[in-house]
Protein backbone atom coordinates (compact mmCIF):
# COMPACT_ATOMS: atom_id res chain seq x y z
CA MET A 1 -12.43 27.68 10.69
CA THR A 2 -9.33 25.21 10.62
CA LEU A 3 -9.74 22.52 12.98
CA LEU A 4 -5.83 20.94 12.50
CA LYS A 5 -3.12 21.87 10.21
CA ILE A 6 -0.43 18.55 9.50
CA LEU A 7 2.68 19.24 8.38
CA ALA A 8 3.08 16.05 5.82
CA LEU A 9 5.77 13.90 4.92
CA PHE A 10 4.95 11.81 1.25
CA PHE A 11 7.78 10.69 -0.28
CA HIS A 12 6.44 8.40 -2.24
CA PRO A 13 8.06 7.00 -5.32
CA ALA A 14 4.51 7.04 -7.24
CA ALA A 15 4.52 8.84 -10.69
CA TYR A 16 0.76 9.51 -12.87
CA GLY A 17 0.78 7.74 -15.69
CA LYS A 18 4.62 6.07 -15.42
CA ASN A 19 4.84 3.95 -11.39
CA PRO A 20 1.86 2.49 -9.98
CA VAL A 21 -0.15 4.06 -7.33
CA GLY A 22 0.04 1.71 -5.19
CA GLY A 23 -2.23 1.03 -2.19
CA ILE A 24 -0.22 2.94 0.24
CA GLU A 25 -0.24 6.33 -1.74
CA ARG A 26 -4.09 5.93 -2.39
CA ARG A 27 -4.24 5.60 0.99
CA PHE A 28 -3.31 9.21 2.17
CA ILE A 29 -4.96 10.42 -0.84
CA GLU A 30 -8.50 9.51 0.44
CA VAL A 31 -7.70 10.29 4.17
CA SER A 32 -6.83 13.62 3.27
CA LYS A 33 -9.70 14.45 1.19
CA VAL A 34 -12.18 12.88 4.22
CA MET A 35 -9.25 15.26 6.73
CA ARG A 36 -10.66 17.71 4.03
CA ARG A 37 -13.54 17.90 4.44
CA MET A 38 -13.49 18.12 8.30
CA LYS A 39 -11.51 21.16 7.97
CA ILE A 40 -7.77 19.51 8.53
CA SER A 41 -5.59 21.28 6.81
CA VAL A 42 -2.20 18.82 5.02
CA TYR A 43 0.51 21.09 3.60
CA THR A 44 2.40 18.24 2.34
CA LEU A 45 6.18 17.93 1.50
CA GLU A 46 6.11 16.04 -1.94
CA PHE A 47 8.38 14.66 -4.74
CA TYR A 48 7.97 16.15 -8.10
CA PRO A 49 5.78 15.29 -9.76
CA SER A 50 3.13 15.76 -6.99
CA LEU A 51 0.19 13.46 -7.67
CA LYS A 52 -2.24 16.49 -7.08
CA ARG A 53 -1.18 18.02 -10.79
CA PHE A 54 -3.07 14.78 -11.86
CA LEU A 55 -6.06 13.56 -9.03
CA ASP A 56 -8.33 14.98 -6.20
CA THR A 57 -5.78 14.16 -3.74
CA GLY A 58 -7.31 16.53 -1.00
CA TYR A 59 -4.57 18.01 0.37
CA ILE A 60 -2.04 20.97 -0.52
CA SER A 61 1.39 19.63 -2.23
CA CYS A 62 4.55 21.52 -2.07
CA GLU A 63 7.41 19.89 -4.41
CA ILE A 64 10.61 19.01 -3.85
CA ASN A 65 13.01 17.12 -6.42
CA ARG A 66 13.21 13.34 -6.29
CA PRO A 67 17.02 11.94 -5.20
CA PHE A 68 17.98 9.31 -7.63
CA PRO A 69 17.81 5.66 -4.98
CA ARG A 70 21.50 5.27 -5.26
CA ARG A 71 23.07 8.75 -5.26
CA PHE A 72 23.89 9.65 -1.96
CA PRO A 73 25.18 13.62 -2.07
CA GLU A 74 21.44 13.53 -4.03
CA ARG A 75 20.16 12.61 -0.83
CA VAL A 76 21.39 14.71 1.36
CA ILE A 77 20.97 18.13 -0.51
CA SER A 78 17.12 16.43 -0.38
CA VAL A 79 16.86 15.89 3.11
CA PHE A 80 18.03 20.17 3.26
CA GLN A 81 15.76 21.32 0.51
CA ALA A 82 12.72 19.56 2.16
CA LEU A 83 13.68 20.86 6.04
CA ARG A 84 14.34 24.48 4.54
CA LEU A 85 10.84 23.86 2.63
CA GLY A 86 9.07 22.75 5.36
CA ILE A 87 10.33 25.44 8.02
CA LYS A 88 9.00 27.85 5.74
CA ILE A 89 5.47 25.96 6.04
CA HIS A 90 5.50 25.90 9.96
CA ARG A 91 6.61 29.35 9.55
CA ALA A 92 3.62 30.22 7.32
CA LYS A 93 0.83 27.73 8.65
CA LYS A 94 1.81 27.45 12.13
CA CYS A 95 1.54 23.07 11.52
CA GLN A 96 0.93 21.34 14.61
CA LEU A 97 2.47 17.96 14.16
CA ILE A 98 4.26 15.90 11.48
CA VAL A 99 3.18 12.93 9.67
CA VAL A 100 4.87 10.71 7.92
CA THR A 101 3.97 8.13 5.52
CA GLY A 102 5.77 4.71 4.88
CA HIS A 103 6.83 3.64 1.49
CA ARG A 104 10.33 2.78 -0.26
CA TYR A 105 11.77 6.25 1.21
CA PHE A 106 10.65 5.06 4.52
CA THR A 107 14.90 6.29 5.18
CA PHE A 108 14.99 9.41 4.13
CA THR A 109 11.28 10.44 5.23
CA ILE A 110 12.28 10.09 9.06
CA ILE A 111 15.38 11.37 8.94
CA CYS A 112 13.78 14.50 7.50
CA ALA A 113 11.08 13.96 10.50
CA TYR A 114 13.22 13.62 13.32
CA LEU A 115 14.93 16.59 12.05
CA PHE A 116 11.57 18.22 11.59
CA ALA A 117 10.86 17.78 15.03
CA LYS A 118 13.65 18.60 16.49
CA ILE A 119 13.59 21.97 14.61
CA LEU A 120 10.69 22.76 15.04
CA ARG A 121 9.56 21.25 18.38
CA ILE A 122 6.06 19.62 17.80
CA PRO A 123 5.49 15.67 17.02
CA TRP A 124 5.61 13.69 14.95
CA VAL A 125 3.31 10.74 13.44
CA ILE A 126 4.01 7.51 11.73
CA VAL A 127 1.39 6.73 9.75
CA SER A 128 2.64 3.06 8.48
CA GLY A 129 1.82 0.83 5.22
CA GLY A 130 3.56 -2.36 6.26
CA LEU A 131 6.97 -2.87 7.17
CA LEU A 132 9.57 -3.12 3.83
CA PRO A 133 11.30 -6.33 3.65
CA ARG A 134 14.90 -4.71 4.22
CA GLU A 135 13.36 -3.61 7.72
CA ARG A 136 13.20 -6.89 9.07
CA MET A 137 16.34 -7.68 7.98
CA SER A 138 19.38 -8.09 9.97
CA LEU A 139 22.75 -5.90 9.18
CA ARG A 140 24.38 -8.78 8.37
CA SER A 141 21.52 -9.57 5.96
CA LEU A 142 21.03 -5.84 4.46
CA MET A 143 24.79 -5.78 3.99
CA MET A 144 25.34 -9.13 1.50
CA GLU A 145 22.54 -8.16 -0.12
CA ARG A 146 23.57 -4.80 -1.40
CA ARG A 147 26.60 -6.48 -1.78
CA ARG A 148 25.52 -9.11 -3.97
CA ARG A 149 23.39 -6.76 -5.86
CA GLY A 150 26.39 -4.93 -6.84
CA PHE A 151 26.77 -1.73 -4.06
CA THR A 152 30.55 -0.86 -3.22
CA PHE A 153 31.67 -2.13 0.43
CA LEU A 154 31.49 1.60 0.72
CA SER A 155 28.31 2.33 -0.55
CA ALA A 156 26.90 -0.65 1.26
CA LEU A 157 28.45 0.28 4.63
CA ALA A 158 27.25 4.16 4.19
CA HIS A 159 23.72 2.12 3.17
CA THR A 160 23.23 -0.59 6.52
CA ALA A 161 24.73 2.15 8.53
CA ILE A 162 21.60 4.85 7.67
CA ASP A 163 19.52 2.13 7.81
CA TRP A 164 20.39 1.26 11.87
CA PHE A 165 20.66 4.99 12.22
CA THR A 166 17.18 4.88 11.07
CA LYS A 167 15.40 2.15 12.66
CA GLN A 168 17.31 4.09 16.62
CA LEU A 169 14.42 7.10 14.87
CA PHE A 170 11.13 4.94 14.69
CA GLY A 171 11.44 4.72 18.87
CA LYS A 172 11.36 8.31 19.55
CA ALA A 173 8.50 9.24 17.25
CA THR A 174 5.39 10.59 19.53
CA ALA A 175 2.99 8.02 18.45
CA PHE A 176 2.66 5.38 15.35
CA ILE A 177 -0.38 4.42 13.61
CA ALA A 178 -0.66 1.00 12.11
CA VAL A 179 -3.44 -0.18 10.11
CA SER A 180 -3.71 -3.83 11.87
CA GLN A 181 -3.12 -5.70 15.28
CA SER A 182 -0.38 -8.00 13.19
CA GLU A 183 1.20 -4.93 11.29
CA LYS A 184 1.48 -4.02 15.60
CA LYS A 185 3.41 -6.60 16.68
CA ASP A 186 5.81 -6.40 13.76
CA VAL A 187 6.54 -2.61 14.34
CA ILE A 188 7.19 -3.82 17.97
CA ARG A 189 9.20 -7.05 17.04
CA PHE A 190 11.45 -5.48 14.32
CA LEU A 191 11.52 -1.76 15.38
CA GLY A 192 11.85 -1.78 18.50
CA VAL A 193 8.87 0.59 18.95
CA HIS A 194 7.22 0.77 22.73
CA PRO A 195 3.39 -0.66 23.07
CA THR A 196 1.86 2.21 23.82
CA LYS A 197 2.91 4.27 21.45
CA ILE A 198 1.14 2.28 18.62
CA HIS A 199 -2.33 2.71 18.16
CA VAL A 200 -4.15 0.86 14.96
CA VAL A 201 -6.81 2.55 12.78
CA GLY A 202 -7.55 0.19 10.02
CA ASN A 203 -8.51 1.00 6.43
CA GLY A 204 -11.58 2.05 4.50
CA VAL A 205 -12.48 1.54 0.79
CA ASN A 206 -14.58 4.37 -0.98
CA LEU A 207 -18.00 2.69 -1.22
CA GLN A 208 -19.62 6.31 -2.78
CA LEU A 209 -17.26 5.84 -5.51
CA ILE A 210 -17.42 2.15 -6.45
CA ASP A 211 -21.53 2.15 -6.53
CA SER A 212 -21.42 4.99 -9.04
CA ILE A 213 -19.47 2.62 -11.55
CA PRO A 214 -22.51 0.92 -13.45
CA GLN A 215 -22.55 -3.26 -13.02
CA LYS A 216 -20.53 -4.36 -15.99
CA GLU A 217 -21.08 -7.93 -18.16
CA LYS A 218 -18.50 -10.23 -16.95
CA LEU A 219 -15.95 -10.35 -19.33
CA PHE A 220 -12.80 -11.88 -17.15
CA ASP A 221 -12.72 -15.11 -15.33
CA ALA A 222 -10.96 -13.64 -12.09
CA ALA A 223 -9.08 -10.74 -11.72
CA PHE A 224 -5.91 -9.94 -9.81
CA LEU A 225 -5.36 -5.97 -8.99
CA GLY A 226 -2.03 -4.97 -7.02
CA ARG A 227 2.02 -4.26 -7.94
CA VAL A 228 3.43 -7.30 -9.81
CA GLU A 229 5.79 -8.50 -7.62
CA PRO A 230 7.00 -11.16 -5.87
CA GLY A 231 5.74 -10.28 -2.35
CA LYS A 232 2.11 -10.84 -4.39
CA GLY A 233 2.99 -14.69 -4.58
CA MET A 234 2.73 -13.66 -8.72
CA ASP A 235 4.70 -16.49 -9.31
CA THR A 236 1.70 -19.02 -7.41
CA LEU A 237 -0.80 -16.63 -10.12
CA ILE A 238 0.07 -17.90 -12.87
CA HIS A 239 1.03 -21.33 -11.65
CA SER A 240 -2.52 -21.84 -10.14
CA TRP A 241 -3.96 -19.96 -13.70
CA ALA A 242 -1.95 -22.59 -15.65
CA LYS A 243 -4.58 -25.77 -13.60
CA VAL A 244 -6.76 -23.62 -14.11
CA VAL A 245 -7.31 -23.92 -17.97
CA GLU A 246 -6.32 -27.31 -18.04
CA GLN A 247 -10.34 -27.75 -17.09
CA ILE A 248 -11.49 -24.78 -18.47
CA PRO A 249 -9.29 -24.04 -21.98
CA LEU A 250 -10.58 -20.29 -22.67
CA ALA A 251 -10.55 -18.74 -19.00
CA GLN A 252 -9.38 -15.40 -18.75
CA LEU A 253 -7.68 -13.55 -15.69
CA VAL A 254 -6.45 -10.09 -16.34
CA VAL A 255 -3.72 -8.80 -14.33
CA ILE A 256 -4.48 -5.15 -12.87
CA GLY A 257 -1.06 -3.09 -11.79
CA GLY A 258 2.38 -2.31 -12.94
CA GLY A 259 5.39 -3.69 -11.75
CA ARG A 260 8.50 -6.46 -13.08
CA LEU A 261 5.51 -6.78 -15.75
CA LYS A 262 8.53 -8.06 -18.60
CA TYR A 263 9.43 -11.08 -16.02
CA TYR A 264 6.47 -12.01 -15.48
CA ARG A 265 4.56 -11.26 -19.24
CA ARG A 266 7.90 -14.10 -20.02
CA LEU A 267 6.55 -16.67 -17.64
CA VAL A 268 2.75 -16.50 -19.25
CA GLU A 269 5.02 -17.10 -22.37
CA LEU A 270 6.42 -20.10 -20.61
CA LYS A 271 3.12 -21.10 -19.64
CA HIS A 272 1.88 -20.91 -23.12
CA LEU A 273 -0.86 -18.60 -21.39
CA SER A 274 -1.26 -15.40 -23.72
CA ASN A 275 -4.52 -16.32 -24.84
CA ASN A 276 -5.15 -16.53 -21.48
CA VAL A 277 -4.00 -14.01 -18.97
CA ARG A 278 -4.13 -10.15 -20.08
CA PHE A 279 -1.72 -7.76 -17.98
CA VAL A 280 -3.20 -3.89 -17.53
CA ASP A 281 -0.47 -1.55 -17.18
CA PHE A 282 -0.92 1.96 -14.69
CA ILE A 283 -4.86 2.70 -15.12
CA PRO A 284 -7.17 5.65 -13.56
CA PHE A 285 -8.51 4.22 -10.35
CA GLU A 286 -12.22 4.20 -11.29
CA GLN A 287 -10.89 1.78 -14.24
CA ALA A 288 -9.25 -0.89 -12.36
CA MET A 289 -12.90 -0.77 -10.68
CA ILE A 290 -14.36 -1.12 -13.94
CA LEU A 291 -11.99 -4.06 -14.80
CA LEU A 292 -13.33 -5.66 -11.42
CA LYS A 293 -16.71 -5.88 -11.65
CA GLN A 294 -16.50 -7.07 -15.29
CA SER A 295 -14.85 -10.49 -13.69
CA LYS A 296 -16.07 -13.02 -11.83
CA ILE A 297 -13.77 -13.66 -8.83
CA PHE A 298 -10.54 -11.47 -6.37
CA LEU A 299 -7.74 -13.59 -6.48
CA LEU A 300 -5.04 -12.80 -3.93
CA PRO A 301 -2.30 -15.71 -3.45
CA SER A 302 0.63 -12.43 -1.51
CA ARG A 303 3.28 -13.99 0.54
CA ARG A 304 2.71 -10.35 2.84
CA GLU A 305 0.62 -8.32 3.33
CA SER A 306 -0.87 -5.44 6.19
CA PHE A 307 -4.44 -4.26 5.51
CA PRO A 308 -4.77 -4.92 1.44
CA LEU A 309 -6.92 -2.08 -0.11
CA SER A 310 -7.38 -4.59 -3.82
CA LEU A 311 -8.69 -6.81 -1.18
CA LEU A 312 -11.33 -4.58 0.32
CA GLU A 313 -11.88 -3.01 -3.06
CA ALA A 314 -12.86 -6.35 -4.60
CA MET A 315 -15.02 -7.74 -2.00
CA ALA A 316 -16.75 -4.38 -2.00
CA CYS A 317 -17.74 -4.61 -6.39
CA GLY A 318 -19.39 -7.93 -5.03
CA LEU A 319 -16.45 -10.38 -5.73
CA PRO A 320 -15.93 -13.39 -3.49
CA CYS A 321 -12.14 -13.76 -2.95
CA ILE A 322 -9.59 -16.32 -2.99
CA VAL A 323 -6.16 -15.34 -0.97
CA SER A 324 -3.26 -16.54 0.76
CA ASP A 325 -4.13 -17.71 4.56
CA ILE A 326 -1.59 -15.03 6.15
CA GLN A 327 -2.24 -13.64 9.51
CA PRO A 328 -2.68 -10.16 8.43
CA LEU A 329 -5.64 -11.37 6.03
CA ARG A 330 -7.03 -14.03 8.35
CA GLU A 331 -6.99 -10.77 11.16
CA ASN A 332 -8.84 -8.62 8.94
CA PHE A 333 -11.08 -10.49 6.90
CA LYS A 334 -13.67 -12.53 8.53
CA LYS A 335 -16.47 -13.15 5.51
CA GLY A 336 -17.16 -13.38 1.36
CA VAL A 337 -12.49 -14.77 1.41
CA ILE A 338 -11.50 -18.34 1.18
CA PHE A 339 -8.02 -19.12 2.84
CA ILE A 340 -5.29 -21.25 0.84
CA GLN A 341 -2.01 -21.90 2.39
CA PRO A 342 0.96 -19.38 0.60
CA ASP A 343 2.21 -20.46 -2.26
CA SER A 344 -0.17 -23.97 -2.97
CA PHE A 345 -0.88 -23.02 -6.68
CA LYS A 346 -3.01 -26.32 -6.71
CA ALA A 347 -5.57 -25.43 -4.35
CA PHE A 348 -5.89 -22.37 -5.90
CA ALA A 349 -6.58 -23.30 -8.69
CA LYS A 350 -9.00 -26.08 -7.58
CA THR A 351 -10.89 -23.33 -5.19
CA ALA A 352 -11.40 -20.95 -8.59
CA VAL A 353 -12.58 -24.38 -10.20
CA ASP A 354 -15.09 -24.62 -7.71
CA LEU A 355 -16.19 -21.33 -7.77
CA LEU A 356 -16.15 -20.67 -11.80
CA ASN A 357 -18.40 -23.96 -12.66
CA TYR A 358 -20.97 -22.92 -9.35
CA ASP A 359 -22.81 -20.03 -9.90
CA HIS A 360 -24.97 -20.08 -6.75
CA LYS A 361 -22.43 -20.68 -4.41
CA ARG A 362 -19.49 -17.83 -6.38
CA GLU A 363 -22.55 -15.27 -6.13
CA ALA A 364 -23.35 -15.88 -2.71
CA ILE A 365 -19.89 -15.97 -1.26
CA GLY A 366 -19.77 -12.41 -3.39
CA MET A 367 -22.71 -11.08 -1.64
CA GLN A 368 -21.04 -11.86 1.98
CA ALA A 369 -18.12 -9.97 0.11
CA ARG A 370 -19.63 -7.06 -0.48
CA GLU A 371 -21.61 -7.12 3.11
CA TYR A 372 -18.34 -7.11 4.80
CA ALA A 373 -17.20 -4.47 2.78
CA THR A 374 -19.94 -1.71 4.00
CA MET A 375 -18.81 -1.89 7.53
CA PHE A 376 -14.83 0.09 6.53
CA SER A 377 -15.56 3.69 5.98
CA TRP A 378 -12.61 6.30 5.45
CA GLU A 379 -14.83 8.61 7.41
CA ASN A 380 -14.55 5.66 10.85
CA VAL A 381 -10.61 5.52 9.79
CA VAL A 382 -10.43 9.41 9.38
CA ARG A 383 -12.15 9.62 13.31
CA ARG A 384 -10.00 6.96 14.68
CA GLU A 385 -6.57 8.66 13.29
CA ILE A 386 -7.77 12.59 14.17
CA LYS A 387 -8.32 11.52 18.01
CA VAL A 388 -4.47 9.89 17.64
CA LEU A 389 -3.51 12.63 16.49
CA LYS A 390 -5.15 14.96 19.05
CA LYS A 391 -4.22 13.34 21.76
CA VAL A 392 -0.12 13.89 20.79
CA ILE A 393 -0.88 17.26 19.94
CA GLN A 394 -1.75 17.74 24.47
């Protein structure tokens, strides 16, 4: 017997084997798999090709064509395609609510969700994975940024007007699920959502899968896992590793993730680190966990985060973690991490060298990290989410 039927809007930028499957996408997949075990059906609208074609996702996928980001007419057509398919699914399956997952296509998704809710007369819930930079910007700043990127005046004006309209829709959602208290504060401040609508449920980690991977020989001194982009502090990571190499000439760093690889490979060359930094583009999750288990420490010099899965996964692998001292990380990680002022590459390097030189200290902090990670299970996260969804339906 199916306990709950959900119509999910999951319009993400990931393309398996090409674009990285990020934390937001992985979170949705893990939650869907647990919901499947709990007899909850998740009927998901997704861009072609669906991640379900390549992964065990836990949801039932229905595909539409992916629009080009700057082609406004194509986006309008995609909205109507999504509406037609979503209405067809609802009529066949009698879904009880709509769930929206946040990502780069948030504007497109929110407009679709609002129209669905109006047409189908069912509640809709936003599950956020952290605000995008543009959602924190004023309309004037958005307009100027788009003009700088080469948009025509009319195109920039149209896109900015849509962003303004989308921000008005956030507050009309029946409920809002956030992964951290810091994110809840951001949603209230930048999106104007009423605090009583926002529910914090946290994130989880797949300990069973990570524990099924045998412990490996340590081939790397440090690892980074995530999108390779400025917001993750990639410049700080590379500059700090240059300082580490000054003291430990053979030190090896593995950077796992896709993104602006060409730019940061060039920076590595300029810093004469080609023999000390290895970039690994897209790889399956299990292989990423193997690389983590082959590393001694984990580095995360991010400038902005919400509740990073990569950090939880590194902790579950027993790695001591050196991370930026930003509020979301302070809030969610109490043990097994060392906090460093953001952009302070010298402090990151000094702490990394200290851990690499003292095995006992590194192992002790790694044990604390592993113990702390065991507190976060996807089953508990899903139970909290289901509680919110049932309340919304009632």
